[in-house]
């Protein structure tokens, strides 16, 4: 890390060379709600999960970059300026 000194631009360029761009887009998410009431504390007497309500929504995902390789704690702290 010392080889960069105060050359932040060079450091950022080399870091970005190790990144993979991920395209943004949208994703449809889904959740299922059980609308049945529990009939008993004894699972065998109840009817869980037979009547489900589905909720769907769409979320936008902004483009981002991820590292090609695992990030070490040392690199993380260096980038985040935490020592």
Protein backbone atom coordinates (compact mmCIF):
# COMPACT_ATOMS: atom_id res chain seq x y z
CA UNK A 1 0.00 0.00 0.00
CA UNK A 2 2.91 2.32 0.59
CA UNK A 3 3.73 2.37 -3.14
CA UNK A 4 0.82 4.76 -3.77
CA UNK A 5 1.86 7.39 -1.28
CA UNK A 6 -0.44 10.34 -1.89
CA UNK A 7 -1.25 9.31 -5.50
CA UNK A 8 -4.93 8.66 -4.89
CA UNK A 9 -5.82 8.78 -8.62
CA UNK A 10 -3.39 5.95 -9.42
CA UNK A 11 -4.69 3.91 -6.51
CA UNK A 12 -8.32 4.38 -7.62
CA UNK A 13 -7.49 3.43 -11.21
CA UNK A 14 -5.79 0.22 -10.09
CA UNK A 15 -8.69 -0.61 -7.79
CA UNK A 16 -11.20 -0.03 -10.60
CA UNK A 17 -9.17 -2.39 -12.82
CA UNK A 18 -10.00 -5.10 -10.27
CA UNK A 19 -13.72 -4.37 -10.39
CA UNK A 20 -16.47 -5.90 -12.50
CA UNK A 21 -19.34 -3.62 -13.57
CA UNK A 22 -22.84 -4.89 -12.81
CA UNK A 23 -25.65 -3.45 -14.89
CA UNK A 24 -28.61 -1.87 -13.20
CA UNK A 25 -32.13 -2.99 -13.85
CA UNK A 26 -35.21 -4.04 -11.99
CA UNK A 27 -36.25 -7.13 -10.11
CA UNK A 28 -39.68 -8.36 -9.15
CA UNK A 29 -39.84 -9.42 -5.53
CA UNK A 30 -42.52 -11.56 -3.98
CA UNK A 31 -43.68 -12.33 -0.47
CA UNK A 32 -46.31 -14.77 0.72
CA UNK A 33 -48.49 -13.99 3.72
CA UNK A 34 -50.34 -16.77 5.50
CA UNK A 35 -53.91 -15.58 5.99
CA UNK A 36 -55.06 -18.65 7.93
CA UNK A 37 -55.54 -18.43 11.67
CA UNK A 38 -53.88 -21.02 13.82
CA UNK A 39 -56.51 -23.35 15.17
CA UNK A 40 -54.39 -24.93 17.86
CA UNK A 41 -50.99 -24.76 19.46
CA UNK A 42 -50.65 -28.38 18.36
CA UNK A 43 -49.22 -28.19 14.83
CA UNK A 44 -51.01 -31.38 13.73
CA UNK A 45 -54.39 -29.78 14.48
CA UNK A 46 -53.71 -26.48 12.76
CA UNK A 47 -53.81 -25.56 9.09
CA UNK A 48 -50.77 -23.32 8.49
CA UNK A 49 -49.85 -22.18 5.02
CA UNK A 50 -52.87 -23.43 3.13
CA UNK A 51 -54.25 -19.99 2.35
CA UNK A 52 -51.61 -17.53 1.22
CA UNK A 53 -51.83 -13.98 -0.03
CA UNK A 54 -49.13 -13.01 -2.50
CA UNK A 55 -47.62 -9.53 -2.49
CA UNK A 56 -45.38 -8.54 -5.41
CA UNK A 57 -43.43 -5.36 -6.07
CA UNK A 58 -40.65 -4.18 -8.34
CA UNK A 59 -37.41 -2.65 -7.11
CA UNK A 60 -34.91 -0.69 -9.22
CA UNK A 61 -31.25 -1.64 -8.89
CA UNK A 62 -28.67 1.00 -9.70
CA UNK A 63 -25.51 -0.07 -11.58
CA UNK A 64 -22.59 -0.92 -9.31
CA UNK A 65 -19.16 -2.57 -9.25
CA UNK A 66 -17.94 -5.61 -7.33
CA UNK A 67 -14.41 -6.85 -6.75
CA UNK A 68 -13.17 -9.80 -8.81
CA UNK A 69 -11.44 -11.10 -5.69
CA UNK A 70 -12.27 -11.19 -1.96
CA UNK A 71 -11.60 -7.94 -0.13
CA UNK A 72 -9.22 -8.23 2.81
CA UNK A 73 -9.69 -6.29 6.02
CA UNK A 74 -6.44 -4.47 5.28
CA UNK A 75 -7.71 -3.27 1.89
CA UNK A 76 -11.09 -2.33 3.33
CA UNK A 77 -9.53 -0.22 6.09
CA UNK A 78 -7.10 1.38 3.63
CA UNK A 79 -9.90 2.39 1.26
CA UNK A 80 -12.18 3.57 4.04
CA UNK A 81 -9.30 5.56 5.66
CA UNK A 82 -9.70 3.71 8.93
CA UNK A 83 -6.51 2.78 10.70
